[in-house]
Amino acid sequence: MANWKEISAEDLQKNPFTLIGKDWGLVTAGTKERVNTMTVSWGGVGIMYGKPVAYLFIRPQRFTKQLIDANDTLTLSFYDDSQRKMLSYMGSHSGKDEDKVQKMNLTVAFDNEAPYFEEANLVLSLKKVYEQDMTEKGFYDAAYVNQWYAQKDFHVMYICEITKVLIKE
């Protein structure tokens, strides 16, 4: 098992624009009986309700969304460049059709009830606070709808309190 160190969200030294938008990560949810994960490259971090939060966006047809909806907790985990192939696979294959976690030889660990992977180098443990369906009506510029939502499969936005930050030592 990896050696993890807990830090406060305010002590995190990673650039969130690079971490989420360029490096990617995994959003993971489930229970000891069933864990699933998917690549996440849209979202961010900030302060809301006086607490550190992460916000993420999941399309309704993603299998991981079922597990996010069924549980109060989830994780965001981030990896070094050596895991790029695994991250790409996790974003292009459905956990409904196969056990992606096992296929990619990831080691599941839990922070309380929230699953994450030992292969990560940064884990944000999250507790859901708010969710909102995105709608076409909410867009000020139709170009975004045309470019990103041709199938009208608008994301669901989740705002989650960051309850713990783990970094690999």
C-alpha atoms as a PDB file:
ATOM      1  CA  MET A   1       0.000   0.000   0.000  1.00  0.00           C
ATOM      2  CA  ALA A   2       1.124   3.510  -0.777  1.00  0.00           C
ATOM      3  CA  ASN A   3       2.122   5.980   1.885  1.00  0.00           C
ATOM      4  CA  TRP A   4      -0.356   8.831   1.885  1.00  0.00           C
ATOM      5  CA  LYS A   5      -0.168  12.160   3.640  1.00  0.00           C
ATOM      6  CA  GLU A   6      -3.272  14.186   4.398  1.00  0.00           C
ATOM      7  CA  ILE A   7      -3.055  17.916   3.688  1.00  0.00           C
ATOM      8  CA  SER A   8      -5.605  20.709   3.794  1.00  0.00           C
ATOM      9  CA  ALA A   9      -7.213  21.756   0.530  1.00  0.00           C
ATOM     10  CA  GLU A  10      -5.605  25.190   0.976  1.00  0.00           C
ATOM     11  CA  ASP A  11      -2.134  23.577   1.011  1.00  0.00           C
ATOM     12  CA  LEU A  12      -2.594  21.903  -2.363  1.00  0.00           C
ATOM     13  CA  GLN A  13       0.136  23.181  -4.702  1.00  0.00           C
ATOM     14  CA  LYS A  14      -1.231  21.824  -8.013  1.00  0.00           C
ATOM     15  CA  ASN A  15      -2.575  24.134 -10.705  1.00  0.00           C
ATOM     16  CA  PRO A  16      -6.269  23.169 -11.075  1.00  0.00           C
ATOM     17  CA  PHE A  17      -6.383  24.304 -14.713  1.00  0.00           C
ATOM     18  CA  THR A  18      -3.566  21.935 -15.606  1.00  0.00           C
ATOM     19  CA  LEU A  19      -4.646  19.176 -13.237  1.00  0.00           C
ATOM     20  CA  ILE A  20      -8.235  18.920 -14.495  1.00  0.00           C
ATOM     21  CA  GLY A  21      -8.119  20.330 -18.010  1.00  0.00           C
ATOM     22  CA  LYS A  22      -4.809  18.984 -19.280  1.00  0.00           C
ATOM     23  CA  ASP A  23      -3.627  16.143 -17.040  1.00  0.00           C
ATOM     24  CA  TRP A  24      -7.100  14.644 -16.488  1.00  0.00           C
ATOM     25  CA  GLY A  25      -8.130  12.487 -13.584  1.00  0.00           C
ATOM     26  CA  LEU A  26     -10.690   9.910 -12.556  1.00  0.00           C
ATOM     27  CA  VAL A  27     -14.004  10.403 -10.823  1.00  0.00           C
ATOM     28  CA  THR A  28     -14.774   7.239  -8.882  1.00  0.00           C
ATOM     29  CA  ALA A  29     -17.843   6.094  -6.975  1.00  0.00           C
ATOM     30  CA  GLY A  30     -19.358   2.916  -5.653  1.00  0.00           C
ATOM     31  CA  THR A  31     -19.229   0.464  -2.809  1.00  0.00           C
ATOM     32  CA  LYS A  32     -17.046  -2.473  -1.843  1.00  0.00           C
ATOM     33  CA  GLU A  33     -19.309  -4.619  -4.027  1.00  0.00           C
ATOM     34  CA  ARG A  34     -19.156  -2.412  -7.160  1.00  0.00           C
ATOM     35  CA  VAL A  35     -16.773   0.415  -8.067  1.00  0.00           C
ATOM     36  CA  ASN A  36     -16.657   2.283 -11.347  1.00  0.00           C
ATOM     37  CA  THR A  37     -14.667   5.190 -12.624  1.00  0.00           C
ATOM     38  CA  MET A  38     -14.390   7.468 -15.617  1.00  0.00           C
ATOM     39  CA  THR A  39     -12.037  10.117 -16.893  1.00  0.00           C
ATOM     40  CA  VAL A  40     -12.865  13.647 -15.858  1.00  0.00           C
ATOM     41  CA  SER A  41     -11.500  16.654 -17.704  1.00  0.00           C
ATOM     42  CA  TRP A  42     -14.221  19.224 -17.078  1.00  0.00           C
ATOM     43  CA  GLY A  43     -14.673  20.761 -13.662  1.00  0.00           C
ATOM     44  CA  GLY A  44     -12.869  22.810 -11.116  1.00  0.00           C
ATOM     45  CA  VAL A  45     -12.256  23.656  -7.503  1.00  0.00           C
ATOM     46  CA  GLY A  46     -13.050  26.662  -5.384  1.00  0.00           C
ATOM     47  CA  ILE A  47     -14.850  27.884  -2.294  1.00  0.00           C
ATOM     48  CA  MET A  48     -18.599  27.669  -1.819  1.00  0.00           C
ATOM     49  CA  TYR A  49     -20.688  27.722   1.348  1.00  0.00           C
ATOM     50  CA  GLY A  50     -17.506  28.627   3.201  1.00  0.00           C
ATOM     51  CA  LYS A  51     -15.862  25.290   2.333  1.00  0.00           C
ATOM     52  CA  PRO A  52     -13.455  23.983  -0.285  1.00  0.00           C
ATOM     53  CA  VAL A  53     -15.428  22.337  -3.100  1.00  0.00           C
ATOM     54  CA  ALA A  54     -14.930  20.566  -6.378  1.00  0.00           C
ATOM     55  CA  TYR A  55     -17.456  20.810  -9.130  1.00  0.00           C
ATOM     56  CA  LEU A  56     -17.755  18.274 -11.893  1.00  0.00           C
ATOM     57  CA  PHE A  57     -19.953  17.524 -14.848  1.00  0.00           C
ATOM     58  CA  ILE A  58     -21.235  14.067 -15.815  1.00  0.00           C
ATOM     59  CA  ARG A  59     -23.344  13.177 -18.839  1.00  0.00           C
ATOM     60  CA  PRO A  60     -26.561  11.326 -17.978  1.00  0.00           C
ATOM     61  CA  GLN A  61     -25.732   8.215 -20.012  1.00  0.00           C
ATOM     62  CA  ARG A  62     -22.458   7.502 -18.193  1.00  0.00           C
ATOM     63  CA  PHE A  63     -22.601   4.355 -16.040  1.00  0.00           C
ATOM     64  CA  THR A  64     -20.501   6.020 -13.330  1.00  0.00           C
ATOM     65  CA  LYS A  65     -23.349   8.533 -12.851  1.00  0.00           C
ATOM     66  CA  GLN A  66     -25.564   5.738 -11.473  1.00  0.00           C
ATOM     67  CA  LEU A  67     -22.986   5.034  -8.770  1.00  0.00           C
ATOM     68  CA  ILE A  68     -22.479   8.732  -8.034  1.00  0.00           C
ATOM     69  CA  ASP A  69     -26.233   9.133  -7.620  1.00  0.00           C
ATOM     70  CA  ALA A  70     -26.502   6.058  -5.380  1.00  0.00           C
ATOM     71  CA  ASN A  71     -23.790   7.194  -2.938  1.00  0.00           C
ATOM     72  CA  ASP A  72     -23.102  10.318  -0.894  1.00  0.00           C
ATOM     73  CA  THR A  73     -19.336  10.181  -1.401  1.00  0.00           C
ATOM     74  CA  LEU A  74     -16.956   9.904  -4.338  1.00  0.00           C
ATOM     75  CA  THR A  75     -13.363  10.772  -5.206  1.00  0.00           C
ATOM     76  CA  LEU A  76     -11.335  12.620  -7.768  1.00  0.00           C
ATOM     77  CA  SER A  77      -7.896  11.137  -8.282  1.00  0.00           C
ATOM     78  CA  PHE A  78      -4.951  12.314 -10.347  1.00  0.00           C
ATOM     79  CA  TYR A  79      -1.982  10.489 -11.865  1.00  0.00           C
ATOM     80  CA  ASP A  80       1.388  11.096 -13.454  1.00  0.00           C
ATOM     81  CA  ASP A  81       2.005  10.877 -17.210  1.00  0.00           C
ATOM     82  CA  SER A  82       2.871   7.178 -17.029  1.00  0.00           C
ATOM     83  CA  GLN A  83      -0.869   6.520 -16.496  1.00  0.00           C
ATOM     84  CA  ARG A  84      -2.087   8.383 -19.611  1.00  0.00           C
ATOM     85  CA  LYS A  85      -2.984   5.166 -21.472  1.00  0.00           C
ATOM     86  CA  MET A  86      -5.061   3.980 -18.496  1.00  0.00           C
ATOM     87  CA  LEU A  87      -6.813   7.350 -18.245  1.00  0.00           C
ATOM     88  CA  SER A  88      -7.633   7.272 -21.943  1.00  0.00           C
ATOM     89  CA  TYR A  89      -9.064   3.760 -21.607  1.00  0.00           C
ATOM     90  CA  MET A  90     -11.193   4.752 -18.621  1.00  0.00           C
ATOM     91  CA  GLY A  91     -12.710   7.582 -20.627  1.00  0.00           C
ATOM     92  CA  SER A  92     -13.470   5.548 -23.741  1.00  0.00           C
ATOM     93  CA  HIS A  93     -14.919   2.302 -22.315  1.00  0.00           C
ATOM     94  CA  SER A  94     -18.021   1.724 -20.213  1.00  0.00           C
ATOM     95  CA  GLY A  95     -17.939   0.045 -16.841  1.00  0.00           C
ATOM     96  CA  LYS A  96     -21.412  -1.233 -17.627  1.00  0.00           C
ATOM     97  CA  ASP A  97     -19.881  -3.595 -20.194  1.00  0.00           C
ATOM     98  CA  GLU A  98     -16.751  -4.691 -18.310  1.00  0.00           C
ATOM     99  CA  ASP A  99     -14.815  -4.301 -15.077  1.00  0.00           C
ATOM    100  CA  LYS A 100     -12.474  -1.523 -16.230  1.00  0.00           C
ATOM    101  CA  VAL A 101     -10.813  -1.301 -12.837  1.00  0.00           C
ATOM    102  CA  GLN A 102      -9.739  -4.936 -12.949  1.00  0.00           C
ATOM    103  CA  LYS A 103      -8.774  -4.753 -16.624  1.00  0.00           C
ATOM    104  CA  MET A 104      -6.420  -1.835 -15.934  1.00  0.00           C
ATOM    105  CA  ASN A 105      -5.029  -3.564 -12.800  1.00  0.00           C
ATOM    106  CA  LEU A 106      -5.927  -0.716 -10.462  1.00  0.00           C
ATOM    107  CA  THR A 107      -5.839  -1.293  -6.711  1.00  0.00           C
ATOM    108  CA  VAL A 108      -9.034  -0.112  -5.023  1.00  0.00           C
ATOM    109  CA  ALA A 109      -8.746   1.556  -1.618  1.00  0.00           C
ATOM    110  CA  PHE A 110     -11.365   3.387   0.420  1.00  0.00           C
ATOM    111  CA  ASP A 111     -11.372   6.625   2.346  1.00  0.00           C
ATOM    112  CA  ASN A 112     -14.263   5.826   4.636  1.00  0.00           C
ATOM    113  CA  GLU A 113     -16.874   4.900   2.028  1.00  0.00           C
ATOM    114  CA  ALA A 114     -15.316   6.643  -0.988  1.00  0.00           C
ATOM    115  CA  PRO A 115     -13.285   4.466  -3.389  1.00  0.00           C
ATOM    116  CA  TYR A 116     -10.009   5.587  -4.955  1.00  0.00           C
ATOM    117  CA  PHE A 117      -6.946   3.913  -6.464  1.00  0.00           C
ATOM    118  CA  GLU A 118      -3.545   3.347  -4.882  1.00  0.00           C
ATOM    119  CA  GLU A 119      -1.882   4.191  -8.219  1.00  0.00           C
ATOM    120  CA  ALA A 120      -2.942   7.851  -7.915  1.00  0.00           C
ATOM    121  CA  ASN A 121      -0.612  10.547  -6.629  1.00  0.00           C
ATOM    122  CA  LEU A 122      -3.391  12.893  -5.461  1.00  0.00           C
ATOM    123  CA  VAL A 123      -6.883  12.065  -4.170  1.00  0.00           C
ATOM    124  CA  LEU A 124      -9.704  14.449  -3.307  1.00  0.00           C
ATOM    125  CA  SER A 125     -12.369  12.784  -1.161  1.00  0.00           C
ATOM    126  CA  LEU A 126     -15.720  14.387  -1.832  1.00  0.00           C
ATOM    127  CA  LYS A 127     -19.184  14.579  -0.327  1.00  0.00           C
ATOM    128  CA  LYS A 128     -22.044  15.623  -2.591  1.00  0.00           C
ATOM    129  CA  VAL A 129     -23.622  18.945  -1.662  1.00  0.00           C
ATOM    130  CA  TYR A 130     -25.662  19.969  -4.722  1.00  0.00           C
ATOM    131  CA  GLU A 131     -26.604  18.750  -8.172  1.00  0.00           C
ATOM    132  CA  GLN A 132     -28.222  20.517 -11.091  1.00  0.00           C
ATOM    133  CA  ASP A 133     -29.202  19.402 -14.569  1.00  0.00           C
ATOM    134  CA  MET A 134     -27.794  21.661 -17.253  1.00  0.00           C
ATOM    135  CA  THR A 135     -30.362  22.764 -19.841  1.00  0.00           C
ATOM    136  CA  GLU A 136     -30.263  24.367 -23.249  1.00  0.00           C
ATOM    137  CA  LYS A 137     -32.138  27.362 -21.840  1.00  0.00           C
ATOM    138  CA  GLY A 138     -29.232  28.137 -19.515  1.00  0.00           C
ATOM    139  CA  PHE A 139     -26.772  28.855 -22.358  1.00  0.00           C
ATOM    140  CA  TYR A 140     -26.251  32.443 -23.432  1.00  0.00           C
ATOM    141  CA  ASP A 141     -24.404  31.377 -26.571  1.00  0.00           C
ATOM    142  CA  ALA A 142     -25.987  28.658 -28.752  1.00  0.00           C
ATOM    143  CA  ALA A 143     -22.555  27.859 -30.196  1.00  0.00           C
ATOM    144  CA  TYR A 144     -21.762  25.908 -27.006  1.00  0.00           C
ATOM    145  CA  VAL A 145     -24.894  23.819 -27.430  1.00  0.00           C
ATOM    146  CA  ASN A 146     -24.144  23.192 -31.094  1.00  0.00           C
ATOM    147  CA  GLN A 147     -20.526  22.251 -30.422  1.00  0.00           C
ATOM    148  CA  TRP A 148     -20.884  20.144 -27.271  1.00  0.00           C
ATOM    149  CA  TYR A 149     -24.490  18.929 -27.134  1.00  0.00           C
ATOM    150  CA  ALA A 150     -25.579  17.821 -30.601  1.00  0.00           C
ATOM    151  CA  GLN A 151     -27.429  14.908 -28.944  1.00  0.00           C
ATOM    152  CA  LYS A 152     -28.957  17.221 -26.282  1.00  0.00           C
ATOM    153  CA  ASP A 153     -27.331  15.043 -23.602  1.00  0.00           C
ATOM    154  CA  PHE A 154     -26.595  17.888 -21.233  1.00  0.00           C
ATOM    155  CA  HIS A 155     -24.314  17.254 -18.283  1.00  0.00           C
ATOM    156  CA  VAL A 156     -25.416  17.102 -14.672  1.00  0.00           C
ATOM    157  CA  MET A 157     -23.342  19.428 -12.505  1.00  0.00           C
ATOM    158  CA  TYR A 158     -22.313  18.236  -9.045  1.00  0.00           C
ATOM    159  CA  ILE A 159     -20.877  20.469  -6.344  1.00  0.00           C
ATOM    160  CA  CYS A 160     -19.027  18.434  -3.736  1.00  0.00           C
ATOM    161  CA  GLU A 161     -17.350  19.406  -0.496  1.00  0.00           C
ATOM    162  CA  ILE A 162     -13.699  18.386  -0.415  1.00  0.00           C
ATOM    163  CA  THR A 163     -13.549  16.443   2.853  1.00  0.00           C
ATOM    164  CA  LYS A 164      -9.967  15.208   2.555  1.00  0.00           C
ATOM    165  CA  VAL A 165      -6.909  15.702   0.357  1.00  0.00           C
ATOM    166  CA  LEU A 166      -4.383  12.875   0.159  1.00  0.00           C
ATOM    167  CA  ILE A 167      -1.006  13.170  -1.553  1.00  0.00           C
ATOM    168  CA  LYS A 168       1.425  10.339  -2.112  1.00  0.00           C
ATOM    169  CA  GLU A 169       4.645  10.650  -0.141  1.00  0.00           C
END
